[in-house]
PDB file of N, CA and C in Angstrom:
ATOM      1  N   MET A   1     -72.153  74.005  99.299  1.00  0.00           N
ATOM      2  CA  MET A   1     -73.352  73.817 100.073  1.00  0.00           C
ATOM      3  C   MET A   1     -74.531  74.550  99.440  1.00  0.00           C
ATOM      4  N   LEU A   2     -74.246  75.701  98.872  1.00  0.00           N
ATOM      5  CA  LEU A   2     -75.341  76.443  98.248  1.00  0.00           C
ATOM      6  C   LEU A   2     -75.961  75.650  97.108  1.00  0.00           C
ATOM      7  N   ALA A   3     -75.127  74.967  96.334  1.00  0.00           N
ATOM      8  CA  ALA A   3     -75.639  74.198  95.199  1.00  0.00           C
ATOM      9  C   ALA A   3     -76.472  73.005  95.654  1.00  0.00           C
ATOM     10  N   GLU A   4     -76.147  72.445  96.801  1.00  0.00           N
ATOM     11  CA  GLU A   4     -76.845  71.256  97.299  1.00  0.00           C
ATOM     12  C   GLU A   4     -77.987  71.579  98.257  1.00  0.00           C
ATOM     13  N   LYS A   5     -78.142  72.856  98.573  1.00  0.00           N
ATOM     14  CA  LYS A   5     -79.150  73.265  99.548  1.00  0.00           C
ATOM     15  C   LYS A   5     -80.562  72.848  99.147  1.00  0.00           C
ATOM     16  N   SER A   6     -80.843  72.788  97.859  1.00  0.00           N
ATOM     17  CA  SER A   6     -82.185  72.413  97.417  1.00  0.00           C
ATOM     18  C   SER A   6     -82.439  70.908  97.577  1.00  0.00           C
ATOM     19  N   ASP A   7     -81.369  70.114  97.629  1.00  0.00           N
ATOM     20  CA  ASP A   7     -81.521  68.660  97.747  1.00  0.00           C
ATOM     21  C   ASP A   7     -81.350  68.135  99.165  1.00  0.00           C
ATOM     22  N   PHE A   8     -80.596  68.845  99.993  1.00  0.00           N
ATOM     23  CA  PHE A   8     -80.287  68.384 101.344  1.00  0.00           C
ATOM     24  C   PHE A   8     -80.517  69.503 102.350  1.00  0.00           C
ATOM     25  N   SER A   9     -80.835  69.130 103.568  1.00  0.00           N
ATOM     26  CA  SER A   9     -80.974  70.152 104.605  1.00  0.00           C
ATOM     27  C   SER A   9     -79.589  70.551 105.110  1.00  0.00           C
ATOM     28  N   ILE A  10     -79.522  71.686 105.746  1.00  0.00           N
ATOM     29  CA  ILE A  10     -78.250  72.236 106.199  1.00  0.00           C
ATOM     30  C   ILE A  10     -77.595  71.362 107.262  1.00  0.00           C
ATOM     31  N   THR A  11     -78.375  70.848 108.200  1.00  0.00           N
ATOM     32  CA  THR A  11     -77.819  70.109 109.327  1.00  0.00           C
ATOM     33  C   THR A  11     -76.920  68.943 108.902  1.00  0.00           C
ATOM     34  N   PRO A  12     -77.366  68.032 108.031  1.00  0.00           N
ATOM     35  CA  PRO A  12     -76.459  66.949 107.646  1.00  0.00           C
ATOM     36  C   PRO A  12     -75.235  67.436 106.863  1.00  0.00           C
ATOM     37  N   MET A  13     -75.398  68.512 106.091  1.00  0.00           N
ATOM     38  CA  MET A  13     -74.251  69.009 105.333  1.00  0.00           C
ATOM     39  C   MET A  13     -73.188  69.599 106.251  1.00  0.00           C
ATOM     40  N   VAL A  14     -73.602  70.372 107.271  1.00  0.00           N
ATOM     41  CA  VAL A  14     -72.594  70.951 108.168  1.00  0.00           C
ATOM     42  C   VAL A  14     -71.918  69.854 108.985  1.00  0.00           C
ATOM     43  N   ARG A  15     -72.642  68.811 109.325  1.00  0.00           N
ATOM     44  CA  ARG A  15     -72.030  67.680 110.038  1.00  0.00           C
ATOM     45  C   ARG A  15     -71.005  66.991 109.143  1.00  0.00           C
ATOM     46  N   LEU A  16     -71.370  66.736 107.905  1.00  0.00           N
ATOM     47  CA  LEU A  16     -70.481  66.065 106.970  1.00  0.00           C
ATOM     48  C   LEU A  16     -69.208  66.871 106.740  1.00  0.00           C
ATOM     49  N   LEU A  17     -69.361  68.179 106.604  1.00  0.00           N
ATOM     50  CA  LEU A  17     -68.220  69.055 106.340  1.00  0.00           C
ATOM     51  C   LEU A  17     -67.506  69.514 107.602  1.00  0.00           C
ATOM     52  N   GLU A  18     -68.050  69.119 108.755  1.00  0.00           N
ATOM     53  CA  GLU A  18     -67.473  69.460 110.051  1.00  0.00           C
ATOM     54  C   GLU A  18     -67.312  70.968 110.246  1.00  0.00           C
ATOM     55  N   VAL A  19     -68.380  71.691 109.917  1.00  0.00           N
ATOM     56  CA  VAL A  19     -68.435  73.130 110.178  1.00  0.00           C
ATOM     57  C   VAL A  19     -69.660  73.392 111.050  1.00  0.00           C
ATOM     58  N   SER A  20     -69.639  74.512 111.742  1.00  0.00           N
ATOM     59  CA  SER A  20     -70.786  74.819 112.593  1.00  0.00           C
ATOM     60  C   SER A  20     -71.921  75.399 111.759  1.00  0.00           C
ATOM     61  N   ARG A  21     -73.112  75.161 112.202  1.00  0.00           N
ATOM     62  CA  ARG A  21     -74.290  75.704 111.524  1.00  0.00           C
ATOM     63  C   ARG A  21     -74.272  77.229 111.565  1.00  0.00           C
ATOM     64  N   SER A  22     -73.924  77.779 112.730  1.00  0.00           N
ATOM     65  CA  SER A  22     -73.877  79.240 112.855  1.00  0.00           C
ATOM     66  C   SER A  22     -72.780  79.828 111.969  1.00  0.00           C
ATOM     67  N   GLY A  23     -71.651  79.126 111.860  1.00  0.00           N
ATOM     68  CA  GLY A  23     -70.570  79.585 110.991  1.00  0.00           C
ATOM     69  C   GLY A  23     -70.997  79.615 109.533  1.00  0.00           C
ATOM     70  N   TYR A  24     -71.784  78.638 109.140  1.00  0.00           N
ATOM     71  CA  TYR A  24     -72.303  78.598 107.773  1.00  0.00           C
ATOM     72  C   TYR A  24     -73.161  79.828 107.496  1.00  0.00           C
ATOM     73  N   TYR A  25     -74.062  80.157 108.426  1.00  0.00           N
ATOM     74  CA  TYR A  25     -74.941  81.308 108.205  1.00  0.00           C
ATOM     75  C   TYR A  25     -74.172  82.626 108.234  1.00  0.00           C
ATOM     76  N   VAL A  26     -73.117  82.720 109.040  1.00  0.00           N
ATOM     77  CA  VAL A  26     -72.277  83.918 109.039  1.00  0.00           C
ATOM     78  C   VAL A  26     -71.589  84.041 107.676  1.00  0.00           C
ATOM     79  N   TRP A  27     -71.109  82.902 107.157  1.00  0.00           N
ATOM     80  CA  TRP A  27     -70.431  82.891 105.864  1.00  0.00           C
ATOM     81  C   TRP A  27     -71.375  83.336 104.749  1.00  0.00           C
ATOM     82  N   ILE A  28     -72.632  82.895 104.813  1.00  0.00           N
ATOM     83  CA  ILE A  28     -73.626  83.262 103.797  1.00  0.00           C
ATOM     84  C   ILE A  28     -73.864  84.776 103.785  1.00  0.00           C
ATOM     85  N   LYS A  29     -73.920  85.379 104.964  1.00  0.00           N
ATOM     86  CA  LYS A  29     -74.227  86.809 105.066  1.00  0.00           C
ATOM     87  C   LYS A  29     -73.033  87.694 104.723  1.00  0.00           C
ATOM     88  N   ARG A  30     -71.826  87.142 104.842  1.00  0.00           N
ATOM     89  CA  ARG A  30     -70.616  87.925 104.605  1.00  0.00           C
ATOM     90  C   ARG A  30     -70.485  88.235 103.120  1.00  0.00           C
ATOM     91  N   GLY A  31     -70.063  89.411 102.809  1.00  0.00           N
ATOM     92  CA  GLY A  31     -69.861  89.795 101.415  1.00  0.00           C
ATOM     93  C   GLY A  31     -68.552  89.246 100.879  1.00  0.00           C
ATOM     94  N   SER A  32     -68.334  89.436  99.624  1.00  0.00           N
ATOM     95  CA  SER A  32     -67.093  88.989  98.998  1.00  0.00           C
ATOM     96  C   SER A  32     -65.922  89.797  99.526  1.00  0.00           C
ATOM     97  N   SER A  33     -64.767  89.158  99.624  1.00  0.00           N
ATOM     98  CA  SER A  33     -63.570  89.841 100.099  1.00  0.00           C
ATOM     99  C   SER A  33     -63.028  90.766  99.017  1.00  0.00           C
ATOM    100  N   VAL A  34     -62.195  91.699  99.417  1.00  0.00           N
ATOM    101  CA  VAL A  34     -61.575  92.628  98.478  1.00  0.00           C
ATOM    102  C   VAL A  34     -60.736  91.839  97.477  1.00  0.00           C
ATOM    103  N   ARG A  35     -60.024  90.836  97.966  1.00  0.00           N
ATOM    104  CA  ARG A  35     -59.189  90.009  97.097  1.00  0.00           C
ATOM    105  C   ARG A  35     -60.039  89.276  96.054  1.00  0.00           C
ATOM    106  N   SER A  36     -61.142  88.727  96.491  1.00  0.00           N
ATOM    107  CA  SER A  36     -62.032  88.002  95.588  1.00  0.00           C
ATOM    108  C   SER A  36     -62.613  88.936  94.521  1.00  0.00           C
ATOM    109  N   LEU A  37     -63.012  90.113  94.917  1.00  0.00           N
ATOM    110  CA  LEU A  37     -63.556  91.092  93.968  1.00  0.00           C
ATOM    111  C   LEU A  37     -62.507  91.520  92.945  1.00  0.00           C
ATOM    112  N   ARG A  38     -61.264  91.711  93.409  1.00  0.00           N
ATOM    113  CA  ARG A  38     -60.178  92.090  92.499  1.00  0.00           C
ATOM    114  C   ARG A  38     -59.904  90.957  91.518  1.00  0.00           C
ATOM    115  N   HIS A  39     -59.898  89.740  92.012  1.00  0.00           N
ATOM    116  CA  HIS A  39     -59.665  88.575  91.158  1.00  0.00           C
ATOM    117  C   HIS A  39     -60.730  88.488  90.064  1.00  0.00           C
ATOM    118  N   GLU A  40     -61.979  88.689  90.412  1.00  0.00           N
ATOM    119  CA  GLU A  40     -63.060  88.656  89.430  1.00  0.00           C
ATOM    120  C   GLU A  40     -62.899  89.759  88.387  1.00  0.00           C
ATOM    121  N   ARG A  41     -62.530  90.963  88.856  1.00  0.00           N
ATOM    122  CA  ARG A  41     -62.343  92.090  87.938  1.00  0.00           C
ATOM    123  C   ARG A  41     -61.213  91.799  86.949  1.00  0.00           C
ATOM    124  N   ILE A  42     -60.107  91.246  87.433  1.00  0.00           N
ATOM    125  CA  ILE A  42     -58.977  90.932  86.556  1.00  0.00           C
ATOM    126  C   ILE A  42     -59.345  89.833  85.577  1.00  0.00           C
ATOM    127  N   GLU A  43     -60.075  88.822  86.035  1.00  0.00           N
ATOM    128  CA  GLU A  43     -60.513  87.755  85.120  1.00  0.00           C
ATOM    129  C   GLU A  43     -61.373  88.321  83.988  1.00  0.00           C
ATOM    130  N   GLN A  44     -62.254  89.254  84.313  1.00  0.00           N
ATOM    131  CA  GLN A  44     -63.098  89.877  83.293  1.00  0.00           C
ATOM    132  C   GLN A  44     -62.260  90.675  82.297  1.00  0.00           C
ATOM    133  N   LYS A  45     -61.262  91.406  82.805  1.00  0.00           N
ATOM    134  CA  LYS A  45     -60.399  92.183  81.920  1.00  0.00           C
ATOM    135  C   LYS A  45     -59.584  91.262  81.017  1.00  0.00           C
ATOM    136  N   VAL A  46     -59.054  90.181  81.569  1.00  0.00           N
ATOM    137  CA  VAL A  46     -58.280  89.237  80.764  1.00  0.00           C
ATOM    138  C   VAL A  46     -59.144  88.680  79.636  1.00  0.00           C
ATOM    139  N   ALA A  47     -60.359  88.282  79.968  1.00  0.00           N
ATOM    140  CA  ALA A  47     -61.270  87.751  78.946  1.00  0.00           C
ATOM    141  C   ALA A  47     -61.571  88.806  77.888  1.00  0.00           C
ATOM    142  N   TRP A  48     -61.761  90.050  78.311  1.00  0.00           N
ATOM    143  CA  TRP A  48     -62.062  91.121  77.361  1.00  0.00           C
ATOM    144  C   TRP A  48     -60.875  91.392  76.440  1.00  0.00           C
ATOM    145  N   PHE A  49     -59.659  91.527  77.027  1.00  0.00           N
ATOM    146  CA  PHE A  49     -58.468  91.781  76.208  1.00  0.00           C
ATOM    147  C   PHE A  49     -58.223  90.629  75.233  1.00  0.00           C
ATOM    148  N   HIS A  50     -58.434  89.414  75.680  1.00  0.00           N
ATOM    149  CA  HIS A  50     -58.240  88.253  74.814  1.00  0.00           C
ATOM    150  C   HIS A  50     -59.245  88.266  73.664  1.00  0.00           C
ATOM    151  N   ALA A  51     -60.496  88.562  73.966  1.00  0.00           N
ATOM    152  CA  ALA A  51     -61.528  88.626  72.929  1.00  0.00           C
ATOM    153  C   ALA A  51     -61.249  89.761  71.946  1.00  0.00           C
ATOM    154  N   GLU A  52     -60.790  90.894  72.425  1.00  0.00           N
ATOM    155  CA  GLU A  52     -60.499  92.044  71.561  1.00  0.00           C
ATOM    156  C   GLU A  52     -59.360  91.758  70.590  1.00  0.00           C
ATOM    157  N   SER A  53     -58.501  90.805  70.948  1.00  0.00           N
ATOM    158  CA  SER A  53     -57.376  90.466  70.067  1.00  0.00           C
ATOM    159  C   SER A  53     -57.734  89.330  69.117  1.00  0.00           C
ATOM    160  N   ASP A  54     -59.023  89.071  68.959  1.00  0.00           N
ATOM    161  CA  ASP A  54     -59.502  87.937  68.158  1.00  0.00           C
ATOM    162  C   ASP A  54     -58.969  86.614  68.709  1.00  0.00           C
ATOM    163  N   GLU A  55     -58.809  86.591  70.008  1.00  0.00           N
ATOM    164  CA  GLU A  55     -58.370  85.408  70.754  1.00  0.00           C
ATOM    165  C   GLU A  55     -56.992  84.911  70.327  1.00  0.00           C
ATOM    166  N   VAL A  56     -56.096  85.854  69.986  1.00  0.00           N
ATOM    167  CA  VAL A  56     -54.729  85.470  69.636  1.00  0.00           C
ATOM    168  C   VAL A  56     -53.701  85.974  70.647  1.00  0.00           C
ATOM    169  N   ALA A  57     -54.053  86.972  71.459  1.00  0.00           N
ATOM    170  CA  ALA A  57     -53.105  87.516  72.431  1.00  0.00           C
ATOM    171  C   ALA A  57     -52.824  86.483  73.510  1.00  0.00           C
ATOM    172  N   GLY A  58     -51.546  86.361  73.827  1.00  0.00           N
ATOM    173  CA  GLY A  58     -51.134  85.458  74.890  1.00  0.00           C
ATOM    174  C   GLY A  58     -50.906  86.217  76.182  1.00  0.00           C
ATOM    175  N   SER A  59     -50.380  85.508  77.163  1.00  0.00           N
ATOM    176  CA  SER A  59     -50.215  86.121  78.480  1.00  0.00           C
ATOM    177  C   SER A  59     -49.269  87.315  78.489  1.00  0.00           C
ATOM    178  N   PRO A  60     -48.159  87.327  77.720  1.00  0.00           N
ATOM    179  CA  PRO A  60     -47.307  88.530  77.753  1.00  0.00           C
ATOM    180  C   PRO A  60     -48.037  89.792  77.280  1.00  0.00           C
ATOM    181  N   LYS A  61     -48.795  89.668  76.200  1.00  0.00           N
ATOM    182  CA  LYS A  61     -49.528  90.822  75.667  1.00  0.00           C
ATOM    183  C   LYS A  61     -50.650  91.239  76.614  1.00  0.00           C
ATOM    184  N   ILE A  62     -51.354  90.275  77.167  1.00  0.00           N
ATOM    185  CA  ILE A  62     -52.452  90.600  78.083  1.00  0.00           C
ATOM    186  C   ILE A  62     -51.901  91.240  79.353  1.00  0.00           C
ATOM    187  N   LEU A  63     -50.728  90.797  79.807  1.00  0.00           N
ATOM    188  CA  LEU A  63     -50.091  91.416  80.968  1.00  0.00           C
ATOM    189  C   LEU A  63     -49.792  92.882  80.686  1.00  0.00           C
ATOM    190  N   VAL A  64     -49.276  93.181  79.507  1.00  0.00           N
ATOM    191  CA  VAL A  64     -49.011  94.571  79.113  1.00  0.00           C
ATOM    192  C   VAL A  64     -50.319  95.363  79.089  1.00  0.00           C
ATOM    193  N   ASP A  65     -51.355  94.779  78.507  1.00  0.00           N
ATOM    194  CA  ASP A  65     -52.652  95.455  78.448  1.00  0.00           C
ATOM    195  C   ASP A  65     -53.194  95.754  79.844  1.00  0.00           C
ATOM    196  N   LEU A  66     -53.075  94.801  80.736  1.00  0.00           N
ATOM    197  CA  LEU A  66     -53.555  95.008  82.105  1.00  0.00           C
ATOM    198  C   LEU A  66     -52.797  96.138  82.787  1.00  0.00           C
ATOM    199  N   ARG A  67     -51.490  96.149  82.614  1.00  0.00           N
ATOM    200  CA  ARG A  67     -50.685  97.210  83.223  1.00  0.00           C
ATOM    201  C   ARG A  67     -51.020  98.574  82.625  1.00  0.00           C
ATOM    202  N   GLU A  68     -51.230  98.617  81.305  1.00  0.00           N
ATOM    203  CA  GLU A  68     -51.611  99.876  80.669  1.00  0.00           C
ATOM    204  C   GLU A  68     -52.982 100.337  81.125  1.00  0.00           C
ATOM    205  N   ASP A  69     -53.810  99.401  81.548  1.00  0.00           N
ATOM    206  CA  ASP A  69     -55.135  99.725  82.046  1.00  0.00           C
ATOM    207  C   ASP A  69     -55.122 100.125  83.520  1.00  0.00           C
ATOM    208  N   GLY A  70     -53.928 100.136  84.121  1.00  0.00           N
ATOM    209  CA  GLY A  70     -53.796 100.623  85.488  1.00  0.00           C
ATOM    210  C   GLY A  70     -53.722  99.537  86.559  1.00  0.00           C
ATOM    211  N   GLU A  71     -53.712  98.285  86.150  1.00  0.00           N
ATOM    212  CA  GLU A  71     -53.600  97.213  87.142  1.00  0.00           C
ATOM    213  C   GLU A  71     -52.151  97.057  87.566  1.00  0.00           C
ATOM    214  N   ILE A  72     -51.938  96.907  88.845  1.00  0.00           N
ATOM    215  CA  ILE A  72     -50.618  96.572  89.369  1.00  0.00           C
ATOM    216  C   ILE A  72     -50.632  95.065  89.555  1.00  0.00           C
ATOM    217  N   ILE A  73     -49.906  94.379  88.665  1.00  0.00           N
ATOM    218  CA  ILE A  73     -50.035  92.936  88.592  1.00  0.00           C
ATOM    219  C   ILE A  73     -48.715  92.332  88.099  1.00  0.00           C
ATOM    220  N   SER A  74     -48.437  91.120  88.564  1.00  0.00           N
ATOM    221  CA  SER A  74     -47.270  90.389  88.072  1.00  0.00           C
ATOM    222  C   SER A  74     -47.765  89.210  87.235  1.00  0.00           C
ATOM    223  N   LYS A  75     -46.827  88.455  86.686  1.00  0.00           N
ATOM    224  CA  LYS A  75     -47.195  87.291  85.886  1.00  0.00           C
ATOM    225  C   LYS A  75     -47.945  86.304  86.734  1.00  0.00           C
TER     226      LYS A  75
END
């Protein structure tokens, strides 16, 4: 909805998606969840470890790197 907000008004979009207008505005004001923030942080670390290996490290090596960096994570 955020991407289409410049082209369409909120009212028809909430009707189409069958969500309440007030619920949409509550969602906009709410911050990112802890899970979402952790996911973003891990994605950034994975990209960094992969780039540092000249883009040759695979998932087993990156998993080891993440664990050595203090992440508690499974495959």
